[in-house]
Amino acid sequence: MKMIVAVVRDEYAAAVTDALTRKGFGATKLASTGGFMKRGNTTFLVGVGSAQLDDALATIRGACPAVQPAQGEAKAPRAAEEHGATVFVLDVERMLKA
């Protein structure tokens, strides 16, 4: 089993919620702020079986396109391209429902 922790830009939170729900994935949604994205964001916790991992990641990726510069705006050099989400995948030893 895997735990996806997806830190999503607030502007994509509704799209991620809708996409995960359409695909039948359950998620816990937390309002969050943090330094590495430098703005308000939403953190999703999604528990999936190993066989569902790629589908869940593709679902999140599809709802969070890369952030493009405004029309006519030059893209500033960056160490990494800015995206709509930062995603961590963790191994889960056990899950219990009480």
PDB file of N, CA and C in Angstrom:
ATOM      1  N   MET A   1       0.848  -1.171   0.000  1.00  0.00           N
ATOM      2  CA  MET A   1       0.000   0.000   0.000  1.00  0.00           C
ATOM      3  C   MET A   1       0.892   1.231   0.000  1.00  0.00           C
ATOM      4  N   LYS A   2       0.396   2.297  -0.609  1.00  0.00           N
ATOM      5  CA  LYS A   2       1.135   3.555  -0.733  1.00  0.00           C
ATOM      6  C   LYS A   2       0.293   4.705  -0.207  1.00  0.00           C
ATOM      7  N   MET A   3       0.968   5.725   0.286  1.00  0.00           N
ATOM      8  CA  MET A   3       0.319   6.979   0.686  1.00  0.00           C
ATOM      9  C   MET A   3       0.876   8.070  -0.208  1.00  0.00           C
ATOM     10  N   ILE A   4      -0.007   8.718  -0.941  1.00  0.00           N
ATOM     11  CA  ILE A   4       0.378   9.861  -1.766  1.00  0.00           C
ATOM     12  C   ILE A   4       0.108  11.112  -0.950  1.00  0.00           C
ATOM     13  N   VAL A   5       1.115  11.952  -0.822  1.00  0.00           N
ATOM     14  CA  VAL A   5       0.971  13.259  -0.191  1.00  0.00           C
ATOM     15  C   VAL A   5       1.214  14.267  -1.310  1.00  0.00           C
ATOM     16  N   ALA A   6       0.147  14.909  -1.760  1.00  0.00           N
ATOM     17  CA  ALA A   6       0.234  15.847  -2.879  1.00  0.00           C
ATOM     18  C   ALA A   6      -0.027  17.260  -2.379  1.00  0.00           C
ATOM     19  N   VAL A   7       0.986  18.108  -2.467  1.00  0.00           N
ATOM     20  CA  VAL A   7       0.864  19.515  -2.088  1.00  0.00           C
ATOM     21  C   VAL A   7       0.546  20.266  -3.381  1.00  0.00           C
ATOM     22  N   VAL A   8      -0.682  20.777  -3.459  1.00  0.00           N
ATOM     23  CA  VAL A   8      -1.236  21.309  -4.705  1.00  0.00           C
ATOM     24  C   VAL A   8      -1.487  22.807  -4.565  1.00  0.00           C
ATOM     25  N   ARG A   9      -1.192  23.550  -5.617  1.00  0.00           N
ATOM     26  CA  ARG A   9      -1.534  24.971  -5.631  1.00  0.00           C
ATOM     27  C   ARG A   9      -3.039  25.106  -5.437  1.00  0.00           C
ATOM     28  N   ASP A  10      -3.456  26.088  -4.638  1.00  0.00           N
ATOM     29  CA  ASP A  10      -4.882  26.264  -4.349  1.00  0.00           C
ATOM     30  C   ASP A  10      -5.734  26.355  -5.608  1.00  0.00           C
ATOM     31  N   GLU A  11      -5.215  26.945  -6.654  1.00  0.00           N
ATOM     32  CA  GLU A  11      -6.003  27.113  -7.877  1.00  0.00           C
ATOM     33  C   GLU A  11      -6.357  25.781  -8.541  1.00  0.00           C
ATOM     34  N   TYR A  12      -5.652  24.706  -8.199  1.00  0.00           N
ATOM     35  CA  TYR A  12      -5.932  23.391  -8.775  1.00  0.00           C
ATOM     36  C   TYR A  12      -6.637  22.448  -7.808  1.00  0.00           C
ATOM     37  N   ALA A  13      -6.895  22.877  -6.589  1.00  0.00           N
ATOM     38  CA  ALA A  13      -7.462  21.994  -5.563  1.00  0.00           C
ATOM     39  C   ALA A  13      -8.822  21.427  -5.977  1.00  0.00           C
ATOM     40  N   ALA A  14      -9.706  22.250  -6.507  1.00  0.00           N
ATOM     41  CA  ALA A  14     -11.034  21.769  -6.917  1.00  0.00           C
ATOM     42  C   ALA A  14     -10.919  20.760  -8.053  1.00  0.00           C
ATOM     43  N   ALA A  15     -10.030  21.011  -8.999  1.00  0.00           N
ATOM     44  CA  ALA A  15      -9.846  20.091 -10.123  1.00  0.00           C
ATOM     45  C   ALA A  15      -9.298  18.747  -9.648  1.00  0.00           C
ATOM     46  N   VAL A  16      -8.377  18.778  -8.684  1.00  0.00           N
ATOM     47  CA  VAL A  16      -7.827  17.530  -8.144  1.00  0.00           C
ATOM     48  C   VAL A  16      -8.915  16.753  -7.407  1.00  0.00           C
ATOM     49  N   THR A  17      -9.695  17.451  -6.584  1.00  0.00           N
ATOM     50  CA  THR A  17     -10.795  16.802  -5.861  1.00  0.00           C
ATOM     51  C   THR A  17     -11.753  16.128  -6.841  1.00  0.00           C
ATOM     52  N   ASP A  18     -12.177  16.856  -7.864  1.00  0.00           N
ATOM     53  CA  ASP A  18     -13.109  16.311  -8.857  1.00  0.00           C
ATOM     54  C   ASP A  18     -12.512  15.110  -9.589  1.00  0.00           C
ATOM     55  N   ALA A  19     -11.246  15.221 -10.008  1.00  0.00           N
ATOM     56  CA  ALA A  19     -10.610  14.149 -10.772  1.00  0.00           C
ATOM     57  C   ALA A  19     -10.457  12.887  -9.925  1.00  0.00           C
ATOM     58  N   LEU A  20     -10.012  13.048  -8.677  1.00  0.00           N
ATOM     59  CA  LEU A  20      -9.863  11.881  -7.806  1.00  0.00           C
ATOM     60  C   LEU A  20     -11.205  11.218  -7.527  1.00  0.00           C
ATOM     61  N   THR A  21     -12.237  12.030  -7.300  1.00  0.00           N
ATOM     62  CA  THR A  21     -13.577  11.499  -7.022  1.00  0.00           C
ATOM     63  C   THR A  21     -14.121  10.743  -8.230  1.00  0.00           C
ATOM     64  N   ARG A  22     -13.952  11.305  -9.425  1.00  0.00           N
ATOM     65  CA  ARG A  22     -14.423  10.637 -10.654  1.00  0.00           C
ATOM     66  C   ARG A  22     -13.772   9.267 -10.838  1.00  0.00           C
ATOM     67  N   LYS A  23     -12.508   9.145 -10.442  1.00  0.00           N
ATOM     68  CA  LYS A  23     -11.773   7.892 -10.589  1.00  0.00           C
ATOM     69  C   LYS A  23     -11.994   6.933  -9.418  1.00  0.00           C
ATOM     70  N   GLY A  24     -12.751   7.371  -8.407  1.00  0.00           N
ATOM     71  CA  GLY A  24     -13.049   6.506  -7.272  1.00  0.00           C
ATOM     72  C   GLY A  24     -11.996   6.476  -6.183  1.00  0.00           C
ATOM     73  N   PHE A  25     -11.072   7.432  -6.201  1.00  0.00           N
ATOM     74  CA  PHE A  25     -10.054   7.508  -5.157  1.00  0.00           C
ATOM     75  C   PHE A  25     -10.571   8.335  -3.998  1.00  0.00           C
ATOM     76  N   GLY A  26     -10.394   7.833  -2.784  1.00  0.00           N
ATOM     77  CA  GLY A  26     -10.721   8.596  -1.593  1.00  0.00           C
ATOM     78  C   GLY A  26      -9.529   9.457  -1.214  1.00  0.00           C
ATOM     79  N   ALA A  27      -9.783  10.638  -0.713  1.00  0.00           N
ATOM     80  CA  ALA A  27      -8.691  11.530  -0.335  1.00  0.00           C
ATOM     81  C   ALA A  27      -9.103  12.372   0.854  1.00  0.00           C
ATOM     82  N   THR A  28      -8.126  12.684   1.675  1.00  0.00           N
ATOM     83  CA  THR A  28      -8.311  13.645   2.752  1.00  0.00           C
ATOM     84  C   THR A  28      -7.662  14.935   2.293  1.00  0.00           C
ATOM     85  N   LYS A  29      -8.383  16.029   2.407  1.00  0.00           N
ATOM     86  CA  LYS A  29      -7.930  17.323   1.912  1.00  0.00           C
ATOM     87  C   LYS A  29      -7.647  18.229   3.100  1.00  0.00           C
ATOM     88  N   LEU A  30      -6.451  18.801   3.141  1.00  0.00           N
ATOM     89  CA  LEU A  30      -6.035  19.678   4.230  1.00  0.00           C
ATOM     90  C   LEU A  30      -5.602  21.032   3.680  1.00  0.00           C
ATOM     91  N   ALA A  31      -6.085  22.104   4.290  1.00  0.00           N
ATOM     92  CA  ALA A  31      -5.577  23.430   3.935  1.00  0.00           C
ATOM     93  C   ALA A  31      -4.176  23.533   4.514  1.00  0.00           C
ATOM     94  N   SER A  32      -3.234  24.035   3.738  1.00  0.00           N
ATOM     95  CA  SER A  32      -1.858  24.095   4.214  1.00  0.00           C
ATOM     96  C   SER A  32      -1.141  25.308   3.646  1.00  0.00           C
ATOM     97  N   THR A  33      -0.103  25.683   4.320  1.00  0.00           N
ATOM     98  CA  THR A  33       0.797  26.716   3.813  1.00  0.00           C
ATOM     99  C   THR A  33       2.208  26.225   4.069  1.00  0.00           C
ATOM    100  N   GLY A  34       3.119  26.711   3.274  1.00  0.00           N
ATOM    101  CA  GLY A  34       4.488  26.263   3.467  1.00  0.00           C
ATOM    102  C   GLY A  34       5.451  27.099   2.661  1.00  0.00           C
ATOM    103  N   GLY A  35       6.687  26.993   3.010  1.00  0.00           N
ATOM    104  CA  GLY A  35       7.717  27.806   2.388  1.00  0.00           C
ATOM    105  C   GLY A  35       8.145  27.349   1.017  1.00  0.00           C
ATOM    106  N   PHE A  36       8.090  26.024   0.747  1.00  0.00           N
ATOM    107  CA  PHE A  36       8.682  25.593  -0.512  1.00  0.00           C
ATOM    108  C   PHE A  36       7.849  25.933  -1.730  1.00  0.00           C
ATOM    109  N   MET A  37       6.543  26.183  -1.575  1.00  0.00           N
ATOM    110  CA  MET A  37       5.744  26.630  -2.718  1.00  0.00           C
ATOM    111  C   MET A  37       5.453  28.128  -2.638  1.00  0.00           C
ATOM    112  N   LYS A  38       5.807  28.751  -1.537  1.00  0.00           N
ATOM    113  CA  LYS A  38       5.716  30.202  -1.361  1.00  0.00           C
ATOM    114  C   LYS A  38       4.310  30.773  -1.532  1.00  0.00           C
ATOM    115  N   ARG A  39       3.287  29.972  -1.282  1.00  0.00           N
ATOM    116  CA  ARG A  39       1.904  30.457  -1.394  1.00  0.00           C
ATOM    117  C   ARG A  39       0.991  29.470  -0.679  1.00  0.00           C
ATOM    118  N   GLY A  40      -0.274  29.869  -0.522  1.00  0.00           N
ATOM    119  CA  GLY A  40      -1.243  28.952   0.068  1.00  0.00           C
ATOM    120  C   GLY A  40      -1.415  27.741  -0.827  1.00  0.00           C
ATOM    121  N   ASN A  41      -1.658  26.602  -0.212  1.00  0.00           N
ATOM    122  CA  ASN A  41      -1.836  25.395  -1.001  1.00  0.00           C
ATOM    123  C   ASN A  41      -2.770  24.439  -0.269  1.00  0.00           C
ATOM    124  N   THR A  42      -3.080  23.359  -0.920  1.00  0.00           N
ATOM    125  CA  THR A  42      -3.923  22.312  -0.353  1.00  0.00           C
ATOM    126  C   THR A  42      -3.133  21.012  -0.410  1.00  0.00           C
ATOM    127  N   THR A  43      -3.149  20.269   0.696  1.00  0.00           N
ATOM    128  CA  THR A  43      -2.446  18.994   0.738  1.00  0.00           C
ATOM    129  C   THR A  43      -3.474  17.864   0.720  1.00  0.00           C
ATOM    130  N   PHE A  44      -3.280  16.933  -0.196  1.00  0.00           N
ATOM    131  CA  PHE A  44      -4.145  15.761  -0.315  1.00  0.00           C
ATOM    132  C   PHE A  44      -3.400  14.545   0.202  1.00  0.00           C
ATOM    133  N   LEU A  45      -4.074  13.741   1.000  1.00  0.00           N
ATOM    134  CA  LEU A  45      -3.562  12.452   1.452  1.00  0.00           C
ATOM    135  C   LEU A  45      -4.409  11.390   0.774  1.00  0.00           C
ATOM    136  N   VAL A  46      -3.775  10.541  -0.024  1.00  0.00           N
ATOM    137  CA  VAL A  46      -4.503   9.546  -0.804  1.00  0.00           C
ATOM    138  C   VAL A  46      -3.854   8.187  -0.571  1.00  0.00           C
ATOM    139  N   GLY A  47      -4.578   7.273   0.028  1.00  0.00           N
ATOM    140  CA  GLY A  47      -4.088   5.918   0.223  1.00  0.00           C
ATOM    141  C   GLY A  47      -4.523   5.043  -0.938  1.00  0.00           C
ATOM    142  N   VAL A  48      -3.567   4.352  -1.564  1.00  0.00           N
ATOM    143  CA  VAL A  48      -3.878   3.497  -2.712  1.00  0.00           C
ATOM    144  C   VAL A  48      -3.086   2.201  -2.624  1.00  0.00           C
ATOM    145  N   GLY A  49      -3.600   1.171  -3.272  1.00  0.00           N
ATOM    146  CA  GLY A  49      -2.837  -0.055  -3.442  1.00  0.00           C
ATOM    147  C   GLY A  49      -1.726   0.181  -4.450  1.00  0.00           C
ATOM    148  N   SER A  50      -0.696  -0.619  -4.384  1.00  0.00           N
ATOM    149  CA  SER A  50       0.446  -0.453  -5.299  1.00  0.00           C
ATOM    150  C   SER A  50       0.015  -0.496  -6.766  1.00  0.00           C
ATOM    151  N   ALA A  51      -0.972  -1.324  -7.086  1.00  0.00           N
ATOM    152  CA  ALA A  51      -1.446  -1.443  -8.465  1.00  0.00           C
ATOM    153  C   ALA A  51      -2.168  -0.186  -8.942  1.00  0.00           C
ATOM    154  N   GLN A  52      -2.687   0.630  -8.009  1.00  0.00           N
ATOM    155  CA  GLN A  52      -3.427   1.856  -8.359  1.00  0.00           C
ATOM    156  C   GLN A  52      -2.543   3.094  -8.392  1.00  0.00           C
ATOM    157  N   LEU A  53      -1.287   2.963  -7.979  1.00  0.00           N
ATOM    158  CA  LEU A  53      -0.421   4.127  -7.811  1.00  0.00           C
ATOM    159  C   LEU A  53      -0.267   4.942  -9.093  1.00  0.00           C
ATOM    160  N   ASP A  54       0.072   4.301 -10.194  1.00  0.00           N
ATOM    161  CA  ASP A  54       0.296   5.043 -11.438  1.00  0.00           C
ATOM    162  C   ASP A  54      -0.955   5.785 -11.892  1.00  0.00           C
ATOM    163  N   ASP A  55      -2.122   5.154 -11.756  1.00  0.00           N
ATOM    164  CA  ASP A  55      -3.378   5.801 -12.148  1.00  0.00           C
ATOM    165  C   ASP A  55      -3.659   7.016 -11.264  1.00  0.00           C
ATOM    166  N   ALA A  56      -3.432   6.879  -9.969  1.00  0.00           N
ATOM    167  CA  ALA A  56      -3.668   8.008  -9.052  1.00  0.00           C
ATOM    168  C   ALA A  56      -2.720   9.157  -9.353  1.00  0.00           C
ATOM    169  N   LEU A  57      -1.451   8.848  -9.602  1.00  0.00           N
ATOM    170  CA  LEU A  57      -0.480   9.907  -9.922  1.00  0.00           C
ATOM    171  C   LEU A  57      -0.829  10.601 -11.239  1.00  0.00           C
ATOM    172  N   ALA A  58      -1.244   9.833 -12.231  1.00  0.00           N
ATOM    173  CA  ALA A  58      -1.640  10.426 -13.516  1.00  0.00           C
ATOM    174  C   ALA A  58      -2.876  11.305 -13.347  1.00  0.00           C
ATOM    175  N   THR A  59      -3.780  10.916 -12.479  1.00  0.00           N
ATOM    176  CA  THR A  59      -4.984  11.699 -12.214  1.00  0.00           C
ATOM    177  C   THR A  59      -4.615  13.045 -11.594  1.00  0.00           C
ATOM    178  N   ILE A  60      -3.734  13.028 -10.624  1.00  0.00           N
ATOM    179  CA  ILE A  60      -3.289  14.279  -9.994  1.00  0.00           C
ATOM    180  C   ILE A  60      -2.532  15.134 -11.002  1.00  0.00           C
ATOM    181  N   ARG A  61      -1.632  14.522 -11.737  1.00  0.00           N
ATOM    182  CA  ARG A  61      -0.837  15.259 -12.735  1.00  0.00           C
ATOM    183  C   ARG A  61      -1.745  15.909 -13.778  1.00  0.00           C
ATOM    184  N   GLY A  62      -2.770  15.197 -14.213  1.00  0.00           N
ATOM    185  CA  GLY A  62      -3.677  15.738 -15.222  1.00  0.00           C
ATOM    186  C   GLY A  62      -4.477  16.937 -14.745  1.00  0.00           C
ATOM    187  N   ALA A  63      -4.720  17.007 -13.439  1.00  0.00           N
ATOM    188  CA  ALA A  63      -5.478  18.130 -12.876  1.00  0.00           C
ATOM    189  C   ALA A  63      -4.581  19.301 -12.491  1.00  0.00           C
ATOM    190  N   CYS A  64      -3.268  19.122 -12.545  1.00  0.00           N
ATOM    191  CA  CYS A  64      -2.302  20.160 -12.138  1.00  0.00           C
ATOM    192  C   CYS A  64      -1.284  20.386 -13.247  1.00  0.00           C
ATOM    193  N   PRO A  65      -1.661  21.088 -14.299  1.00  0.00           N
ATOM    194  CA  PRO A  65      -0.706  21.308 -15.391  1.00  0.00           C
ATOM    195  C   PRO A  65       0.460  22.175 -14.923  1.00  0.00           C
ATOM    196  N   ALA A  66       1.561  22.078 -15.640  1.00  0.00           N
ATOM    197  CA  ALA A  66       2.708  22.939 -15.342  1.00  0.00           C
ATOM    198  C   ALA A  66       2.284  24.396 -15.468  1.00  0.00           C
ATOM    199  N   VAL A  67       2.816  25.225 -14.625  1.00  0.00           N
ATOM    200  CA  VAL A  67       2.487  26.652 -14.638  1.00  0.00           C
ATOM    201  C   VAL A  67       3.271  27.308 -15.765  1.00  0.00           C
ATOM    202  N   GLN A  68       2.555  27.924 -16.667  1.00  0.00           N
ATOM    203  CA  GLN A  68       3.193  28.577 -17.807  1.00  0.00           C
ATOM    204  C   GLN A  68       3.309  30.072 -17.549  1.00  0.00           C
ATOM    205  N   PRO A  69       4.347  30.740 -18.071  1.00  0.00           N
ATOM    206  CA  PRO A  69       4.445  32.185 -17.904  1.00  0.00           C
ATOM    207  C   PRO A  69       3.292  32.883 -18.625  1.00  0.00           C
ATOM    208  N   ALA A  70       2.908  34.053 -18.137  1.00  0.00           N
ATOM    209  CA  ALA A  70       1.850  34.831 -18.784  1.00  0.00           C
ATOM    210  C   ALA A  70       2.275  35.178 -20.207  1.00  0.00           C
ATOM    211  N   GLN A  71       1.285  35.370 -21.076  1.00  0.00           N
ATOM    212  CA  GLN A  71       1.582  35.664 -22.474  1.00  0.00           C
ATOM    213  C   GLN A  71       2.469  36.898 -22.572  1.00  0.00           C
ATOM    214  N   GLY A  72       3.542  36.798 -23.330  1.00  0.00           N
ATOM    215  CA  GLY A  72       4.463  37.913 -23.497  1.00  0.00           C
ATOM    216  C   GLY A  72       5.507  38.020 -22.389  1.00  0.00           C
ATOM    217  N   GLU A  73       5.377  37.211 -21.352  1.00  0.00           N
ATOM    218  CA  GLU A  73       6.313  37.254 -20.229  1.00  0.00           C
ATOM    219  C   GLU A  73       7.434  36.244 -20.482  1.00  0.00           C
ATOM    220  N   ALA A  74       8.666  36.702 -20.343  1.00  0.00           N
ATOM    221  CA  ALA A  74       9.796  35.796 -20.527  1.00  0.00           C
ATOM    222  C   ALA A  74       9.875  34.851 -19.340  1.00  0.00           C
ATOM    223  N   LYS A  75      10.213  33.634 -19.608  1.00  0.00           N
ATOM    224  CA  LYS A  75      10.348  32.654 -18.527  1.00  0.00           C
ATOM    225  C   LYS A  75      11.692  32.862 -17.838  1.00  0.00           C
ATOM    226  N   ALA A  76      11.621  33.101 -16.543  1.00  0.00           N
ATOM    227  CA  ALA A  76      12.849  33.312 -15.776  1.00  0.00           C
ATOM    228  C   ALA A  76      13.577  31.991 -15.612  1.00  0.00           C
ATOM    229  N   PRO A  77      14.915  32.024 -15.643  1.00  0.00           N
ATOM    230  CA  PRO A  77      15.639  30.762 -15.419  1.00  0.00           C
ATOM    231  C   PRO A  77      15.372  30.237 -14.011  1.00  0.00           C
ATOM    232  N   ARG A  78      15.168  28.943 -13.887  1.00  0.00           N
ATOM    233  CA  ARG A  78      14.896  28.309 -12.589  1.00  0.00           C
ATOM    234  C   ARG A  78      15.692  27.022 -12.496  1.00  0.00           C
ATOM    235  N   ALA A  79      15.945  26.632 -11.263  1.00  0.00           N
ATOM    236  CA  ALA A  79      16.608  25.346 -11.052  1.00  0.00           C
ATOM    237  C   ALA A  79      15.677  24.213 -11.450  1.00  0.00           C
ATOM    238  N   ALA A  80      14.391  24.385 -11.210  1.00  0.00           N
ATOM    239  CA  ALA A  80      13.387  23.380 -11.578  1.00  0.00           C
ATOM    240  C   ALA A  80      12.155  24.101 -12.088  1.00  0.00           C
ATOM    241  N   GLU A  81      11.505  23.546 -13.087  1.00  0.00           N
ATOM    242  CA  GLU A  81      10.299  24.157 -13.628  1.00  0.00           C
ATOM    243  C   GLU A  81       9.199  24.152 -12.567  1.00  0.00           C
ATOM    244  N   GLU A  82       8.450  25.239 -12.511  1.00  0.00           N
ATOM    245  CA  GLU A  82       7.372  25.345 -11.525  1.00  0.00           C
ATOM    246  C   GLU A  82       6.168  24.547 -12.001  1.00  0.00           C
ATOM    247  N   HIS A  83       5.598  23.789 -11.096  1.00  0.00           N
ATOM    248  CA  HIS A  83       4.441  22.955 -11.420  1.00  0.00           C
ATOM    249  C   HIS A  83       3.307  23.263 -10.458  1.00  0.00           C
ATOM    250  N   GLY A  84       2.168  22.672 -10.727  1.00  0.00           N
ATOM    251  CA  GLY A  84       1.003  22.895  -9.896  1.00  0.00           C
ATOM    252  C   GLY A  84       0.963  22.041  -8.646  1.00  0.00           C
ATOM    253  N   ALA A  85       1.864  21.061  -8.525  1.00  0.00           N
ATOM    254  CA  ALA A  85       1.857  20.188  -7.348  1.00  0.00           C
ATOM    255  C   ALA A  85       3.248  19.618  -7.096  1.00  0.00           C
ATOM    256  N   THR A  86       3.487  19.321  -5.844  1.00  0.00           N
ATOM    257  CA  THR A  86       4.659  18.546  -5.441  1.00  0.00           C
ATOM    258  C   THR A  86       4.114  17.298  -4.770  1.00  0.00           C
ATOM    259  N   VAL A  87       4.560  16.129  -5.220  1.00  0.00           N
ATOM    260  CA  VAL A  87       3.962  14.881  -4.775  1.00  0.00           C
ATOM    261  C   VAL A  87       5.027  13.977  -4.143  1.00  0.00           C
ATOM    262  N   PHE A  88       4.672  13.433  -2.985  1.00  0.00           N
ATOM    263  CA  PHE A  88       5.515  12.469  -2.291  1.00  0.00           C
ATOM    264  C   PHE A  88       4.768  11.140  -2.260  1.00  0.00           C
ATOM    265  N   VAL A  89       5.471  10.037  -2.438  1.00  0.00           N
ATOM    266  CA  VAL A  89       4.872   8.704  -2.352  1.00  0.00           C
ATOM    267  C   VAL A  89       5.589   7.958  -1.236  1.00  0.00           C
ATOM    268  N   LEU A  90       4.809   7.512  -0.261  1.00  0.00           N
ATOM    269  CA  LEU A  90       5.353   6.834   0.911  1.00  0.00           C
ATOM    270  C   LEU A  90       4.846   5.405   0.984  1.00  0.00           C
ATOM    271  N   ASP A  91       5.683   4.511   1.461  1.00  0.00           N
ATOM    272  CA  ASP A  91       5.241   3.148   1.728  1.00  0.00           C
ATOM    273  C   ASP A  91       4.436   3.150   3.013  1.00  0.00           C
ATOM    274  N   VAL A  92       3.354   2.361   3.043  1.00  0.00           N
ATOM    275  CA  VAL A  92       2.510   2.237   4.222  1.00  0.00           C
ATOM    276  C   VAL A  92       2.604   0.791   4.693  1.00  0.00           C
ATOM    277  N   GLU A  93       3.004   0.618   5.929  1.00  0.00           N
ATOM    278  CA  GLU A  93       3.135  -0.732   6.476  1.00  0.00           C
ATOM    279  C   GLU A  93       1.786  -1.355   6.764  1.00  0.00           C
ATOM    280  N   ARG A  94       0.869  -0.545   7.295  1.00  0.00           N
ATOM    281  CA  ARG A  94      -0.446  -1.066   7.664  1.00  0.00           C
ATOM    282  C   ARG A  94      -1.460   0.068   7.675  1.00  0.00           C
ATOM    283  N   MET A  95      -2.713  -0.251   7.310  1.00  0.00           N
ATOM    284  CA  MET A  95      -3.797   0.715   7.393  1.00  0.00           C
ATOM    285  C   MET A  95      -4.917   0.087   8.212  1.00  0.00           C
ATOM    286  N   LEU A  96      -5.452   0.839   9.148  1.00  0.00           N
ATOM    287  CA  LEU A  96      -6.544   0.360   9.981  1.00  0.00           C
ATOM    288  C   LEU A  96      -7.724   1.316   9.864  1.00  0.00           C
ATOM    289  N   LYS A  97      -8.922   0.779   9.862  1.00  0.00           N
ATOM    290  CA  LYS A  97     -10.135   1.593   9.930  1.00  0.00           C
ATOM    291  C   LYS A  97     -10.821   1.236  11.228  1.00  0.00           C
ATOM    292  N   ALA A  98     -11.080   2.229  12.054  1.00  0.00           N
ATOM    293  CA  ALA A  98     -11.698   1.965  13.353  1.00  0.00           C
ATOM    294  C   ALA A  98     -13.100   2.526  13.403  1.00  0.00           C
TER     295      ALA A  98
END
